Protein backbone atom coordinates (compact mmCIF):
# COMPACT_ATOMS: atom_id res chain seq x y z
CA MET A 1 -21.60 -228.94 -22.27
CA ASN A 2 -25.06 -227.37 -22.10
CA ALA A 3 -25.08 -223.68 -23.06
CA PHE A 4 -25.81 -222.76 -19.46
CA ASP A 5 -23.66 -225.40 -17.70
CA ILE A 6 -20.97 -223.48 -15.84
CA PRO A 7 -17.76 -225.12 -14.60
CA ALA A 8 -17.19 -225.18 -10.86
CA SER A 9 -14.12 -222.98 -11.18
CA THR A 10 -14.66 -219.24 -11.53
CA SER A 11 -11.03 -218.39 -12.20
CA ARG A 12 -10.37 -215.43 -14.45
CA GLY A 13 -9.74 -215.91 -18.15
CA THR A 14 -6.47 -215.05 -19.84
CA SER A 15 -7.49 -213.46 -23.14
CA ARG A 16 -6.16 -209.98 -23.87
CA PRO A 17 -8.76 -207.20 -24.14
CA ARG A 18 -8.94 -205.01 -27.21
CA ASP A 19 -8.34 -201.24 -27.08
CA GLN A 20 -11.05 -199.40 -25.18
CA ALA A 21 -12.59 -195.96 -25.57
CA THR A 22 -12.34 -195.70 -21.79
CA PRO A 23 -9.31 -197.50 -20.30
CA LEU A 24 -9.89 -200.63 -18.28
CA PRO A 25 -8.82 -200.61 -14.64
CA PRO A 26 -5.68 -202.70 -14.03
CA SER A 27 -7.67 -205.41 -12.23
CA LEU A 28 -9.70 -206.09 -15.39
CA LYS A 29 -6.86 -206.23 -17.89
CA GLY A 30 -6.23 -209.77 -19.02
CA CYS A 31 -9.46 -211.14 -17.55
CA ALA A 32 -12.46 -209.52 -19.26
CA HIS A 33 -13.40 -207.62 -22.39
CA GLY A 34 -15.61 -204.57 -22.23
CA ARG A 35 -15.94 -200.86 -21.79
CA ALA A 36 -16.22 -198.63 -18.75
CA GLY A 37 -18.89 -195.97 -18.53
CA LYS A 38 -17.75 -192.39 -19.06
CA ALA A 39 -17.39 -191.75 -15.35
CA ASP A 40 -13.74 -192.80 -15.48
CA TRP A 41 -14.19 -195.42 -12.76
CA GLN A 42 -15.01 -193.10 -9.92
CA ALA A 43 -15.54 -194.68 -6.53
CA GLY A 44 -19.10 -195.89 -6.09
CA PRO A 45 -21.36 -198.94 -6.30
CA GLY A 46 -20.73 -201.01 -9.41
CA THR A 47 -22.88 -202.40 -12.18
CA GLY A 48 -22.16 -204.70 -15.13
CA TRP A 49 -24.13 -204.73 -18.42
CA LEU A 50 -24.84 -207.49 -20.95
CA SER A 51 -26.66 -207.63 -24.31
CA TRP A 52 -27.60 -210.09 -27.10
CA TRP A 53 -26.35 -207.69 -29.80
CA GLY A 54 -22.86 -207.31 -28.35
CA LEU A 55 -21.22 -204.21 -26.95
CA ASN A 56 -22.76 -201.80 -29.46
CA ALA A 57 -23.39 -198.05 -29.26
CA HIS A 58 -26.79 -198.61 -27.63
CA ILE A 59 -25.30 -200.57 -24.73
CA GLN A 60 -22.40 -198.14 -24.41
CA GLY A 61 -24.92 -195.32 -24.20
CA ILE A 62 -26.82 -197.07 -21.42
CA ALA A 63 -23.57 -197.59 -19.52
CA ASP A 64 -22.81 -193.88 -19.83
CA ARG A 65 -26.32 -192.95 -18.63
CA LEU A 66 -25.96 -195.15 -15.58
CA ALA A 67 -22.51 -193.76 -14.83
CA LYS A 68 -24.06 -190.29 -14.74
CA GLU A 69 -26.38 -191.60 -12.00
CA GLY A 70 -23.33 -192.11 -9.78
CA PHE A 71 -22.50 -195.75 -10.43
CA THR A 72 -19.23 -197.27 -11.56
CA VAL A 73 -20.20 -199.14 -14.74
CA PHE A 74 -18.54 -201.83 -16.83
CA ALA A 75 -20.28 -203.10 -19.96
CA VAL A 76 -18.99 -206.63 -20.49
CA ASP A 77 -18.13 -207.50 -24.09
CA LEU A 78 -18.75 -211.23 -24.25
CA TYR A 79 -18.38 -211.23 -28.06
CA HIS A 80 -14.88 -209.69 -27.85
CA GLY A 81 -15.37 -206.79 -30.23
CA ARG A 82 -18.03 -208.25 -32.51
CA THR A 83 -21.42 -206.51 -32.75
CA THR A 84 -24.36 -206.76 -35.11
CA LYS A 85 -27.69 -205.17 -36.00
CA ASP A 86 -28.93 -208.34 -37.69
CA ALA A 87 -30.99 -210.77 -35.64
CA ALA A 88 -29.76 -213.82 -37.56
CA GLU A 89 -26.15 -212.79 -36.99
CA ALA A 90 -26.88 -212.17 -33.31
CA ASP A 91 -28.23 -215.72 -33.14
CA ARG A 92 -25.00 -217.01 -34.69
CA LEU A 93 -22.86 -215.05 -32.22
CA LEU A 94 -24.94 -216.44 -29.39
CA ALA A 95 -24.58 -220.00 -30.70
CA GLN A 96 -20.78 -219.56 -30.78
CA LEU A 97 -20.59 -218.14 -27.27
CA ASP A 98 -18.64 -220.17 -24.73
CA TRP A 99 -21.02 -219.82 -21.79
CA GLY A 100 -18.56 -221.19 -19.27
CA LYS A 101 -15.96 -218.61 -20.28
CA ALA A 102 -18.63 -215.92 -20.43
CA SER A 103 -19.61 -216.66 -16.85
CA GLU A 104 -15.96 -216.49 -15.79
CA GLU A 105 -15.48 -213.16 -17.55
CA LEU A 106 -18.59 -211.75 -15.93
CA ARG A 107 -17.41 -212.91 -12.51
CA ALA A 108 -14.01 -211.35 -13.21
CA ALA A 109 -15.74 -208.06 -14.00
CA THR A 110 -17.85 -208.07 -10.84
CA ASP A 111 -14.81 -209.01 -8.74
CA ALA A 112 -12.89 -206.12 -10.32
CA LEU A 113 -15.73 -203.72 -9.55
CA ARG A 114 -15.57 -204.80 -5.91
CA GLU A 115 -11.80 -204.43 -5.91
CA ARG A 116 -12.05 -201.02 -7.53
CA GLY A 117 -14.59 -199.76 -5.00
CA GLY A 118 -12.84 -201.14 -1.94
CA PRO A 119 -14.26 -202.93 1.12
CA GLY A 120 -18.03 -202.84 1.32
CA THR A 121 -18.59 -202.03 -2.36
CA LYS A 122 -21.92 -203.34 -3.61
CA VAL A 123 -22.30 -204.69 -7.13
CA ALA A 124 -25.23 -205.45 -9.43
CA VAL A 125 -25.57 -207.05 -12.87
CA LEU A 126 -28.04 -205.96 -15.54
CA GLY A 127 -28.75 -207.36 -18.97
CA PHE A 128 -31.08 -207.37 -21.95
CA CYS A 129 -32.52 -210.42 -23.76
CA MET A 130 -29.67 -212.97 -23.75
CA GLY A 131 -27.99 -210.65 -21.27
CA GLY A 132 -31.09 -210.80 -19.09
CA ALA A 133 -30.80 -214.59 -18.96
CA LEU A 134 -27.09 -214.27 -18.13
CA THR A 135 -27.95 -211.73 -15.44
CA LEU A 136 -30.04 -214.33 -13.64
CA LEU A 137 -27.30 -216.90 -14.20
CA ALA A 138 -24.85 -214.47 -12.59
CA GLY A 139 -27.15 -214.28 -9.60
CA VAL A 140 -26.85 -218.07 -9.29
CA THR A 141 -23.08 -218.31 -9.70
CA ASP A 142 -22.04 -215.15 -7.80
CA PRO A 143 -23.47 -215.21 -4.26
CA GLN A 144 -21.83 -211.86 -3.51
CA LEU A 145 -24.04 -209.90 -5.90
CA ASP A 146 -26.27 -207.31 -4.27
CA ALA A 147 -28.86 -206.93 -7.04
CA VAL A 148 -29.75 -208.39 -10.44
CA VAL A 149 -31.88 -206.66 -13.08
CA PRO A 150 -32.91 -208.80 -16.07
CA PHE A 151 -34.71 -207.16 -18.98
CA TYR A 152 -36.82 -209.69 -20.92
CA GLY A 153 -34.43 -212.60 -20.45
CA ILE A 154 -34.97 -216.00 -18.79
CA PRO A 155 -32.41 -218.81 -18.48
CA PRO A 156 -33.44 -222.40 -19.26
CA GLU A 157 -34.70 -224.79 -16.61
CA THR A 158 -31.21 -226.23 -16.13
CA VAL A 159 -30.28 -223.04 -14.26
CA ASP A 160 -31.45 -223.29 -10.64
CA VAL A 161 -32.65 -219.74 -10.05
CA THR A 162 -33.72 -220.68 -6.52
CA ARG A 163 -30.03 -220.33 -5.57
CA ILE A 164 -30.17 -216.58 -6.20
CA ARG A 165 -29.79 -214.58 -3.00
CA ALA A 166 -29.69 -211.03 -4.39
CA PRO A 167 -32.86 -208.99 -4.87
CA VAL A 168 -34.24 -209.27 -8.41
CA LEU A 169 -35.93 -206.52 -10.42
CA GLY A 170 -37.38 -207.98 -13.60
CA HIS A 171 -38.71 -206.07 -16.62
CA PHE A 172 -40.78 -208.06 -19.13
CA ALA A 173 -43.01 -207.37 -22.12
CA LYS A 174 -46.52 -208.71 -22.37
CA ASN A 175 -45.99 -209.33 -26.09
CA ASP A 176 -42.99 -211.64 -26.19
CA ASP A 177 -42.60 -214.95 -28.01
CA TRP A 178 -39.47 -215.89 -26.04
CA CYS A 179 -40.14 -214.68 -22.50
CA THR A 180 -43.81 -215.49 -22.79
CA PRO A 181 -46.21 -214.36 -20.04
CA ASP A 182 -46.51 -217.95 -18.84
CA ARG A 183 -42.72 -218.31 -18.54
CA VAL A 184 -42.49 -214.99 -16.71
CA ASP A 185 -45.22 -216.05 -14.28
CA ALA A 186 -43.48 -219.38 -13.68
CA LEU A 187 -40.13 -217.69 -13.04
CA GLU A 188 -41.67 -215.22 -10.61
CA GLN A 189 -43.46 -217.97 -8.68
CA LYS A 190 -40.31 -220.12 -8.54
CA LEU A 191 -38.31 -217.22 -7.08
CA LYS A 192 -40.99 -216.34 -4.55
CA ARG A 193 -41.39 -219.96 -3.42
CA ALA A 194 -37.64 -219.99 -2.76
CA HIS A 195 -37.95 -216.70 -0.84
CA VAL A 196 -35.82 -214.85 -3.37
CA PRO A 197 -36.80 -211.17 -3.12
CA ALA A 198 -38.23 -210.52 -6.58
CA GLU A 199 -40.11 -207.57 -8.04
CA PHE A 200 -41.44 -208.15 -11.57
CA HIS A 201 -42.94 -205.54 -13.88
CA ARG A 202 -44.86 -206.36 -17.02
CA TYR A 203 -45.19 -203.75 -19.74
CA ASP A 204 -47.79 -203.40 -22.47
CA ALA A 205 -45.07 -203.60 -25.09
CA SER A 206 -43.02 -205.97 -27.24
CA HIS A 207 -39.75 -207.75 -26.58
CA ALA A 208 -36.82 -205.28 -26.64
CA PHE A 209 -39.07 -202.33 -25.85
CA PHE A 210 -36.15 -200.56 -24.14
CA ASN A 211 -34.01 -200.49 -27.30
CA ASP A 212 -34.34 -197.04 -28.85
CA THR A 213 -32.35 -198.12 -31.92
CA ARG A 214 -35.20 -200.44 -32.94
CA PRO A 215 -38.22 -198.21 -33.69
CA GLU A 216 -40.35 -201.21 -34.61
CA VAL A 217 -40.40 -202.35 -30.96
CA HIS A 218 -39.20 -199.34 -28.93
CA SER A 219 -41.78 -198.06 -26.45
CA PRO A 220 -40.52 -194.71 -25.12
CA GLU A 221 -42.91 -194.34 -22.19
CA ASN A 222 -42.41 -197.91 -20.99
CA ALA A 223 -38.65 -197.51 -21.42
CA ARG A 224 -38.69 -194.34 -19.30
CA GLN A 225 -40.67 -196.09 -16.59
CA ALA A 226 -38.38 -199.13 -16.61
CA TRP A 227 -35.30 -196.89 -16.43
CA LYS A 228 -36.63 -194.94 -13.44
CA ARG A 229 -37.52 -198.13 -11.64
CA THR A 230 -34.06 -199.53 -12.37
CA VAL A 231 -32.16 -196.47 -11.16
CA ASP A 232 -34.31 -196.20 -8.01
CA PHE A 233 -33.84 -199.92 -7.33
CA LEU A 234 -30.08 -199.73 -7.76
CA HIS A 235 -29.77 -196.73 -5.48
CA ALA A 236 -31.88 -198.52 -2.87
CA LYS A 237 -29.88 -201.77 -3.03
CA LEU A 238 -26.39 -200.45 -3.76
CA GLY A 239 -26.40 -197.04 -2.10
């Protein structure tokens, strides 16, 4: 199976989640690993988070920040408790990831957010690097999503992004050896030709510029601008 080939079924997984700092809602237990933002699952539009490094303190902090903006947040732990600060180890974790199961777990999380919020609840998915690519994949496989926000992540050509129906807000760095400017331009044009509502922003920064735990690439001003755009976009699309 190709890393991004997703089985037709989107049934929920059966693995048991580890202990959480913030308890999982009943609808997520037994179907997805992760951590809720520190808003204790208040009613409100929902968002899910993804990252290449795993569910580390940085991602947990972002989830908490977004929860303070009034959203119900669930940071999906696709590595099931494993995190790393080493790029080589992150590559190994990524290589071991079961992408079909990951897609199912993400769909389980977004379904649970809808269930938690009740009828009419709107849900978005956001992600960084590998998580950004998975965010766009989620837009393909979950037609009920109301917004997708990829940060410097692009899925391979085998993923038909023209099937996305949710509005897309993309954040990309001009200095990026993976999501190169040419790839970003091609993705944007593909989405626009398919009439997918897409708003792309390009920052004079390096890949992972949002990550304040990596001073060698962190760009505070660009990160602040990307955060404001993200929060404004989510409020506009989710309520």
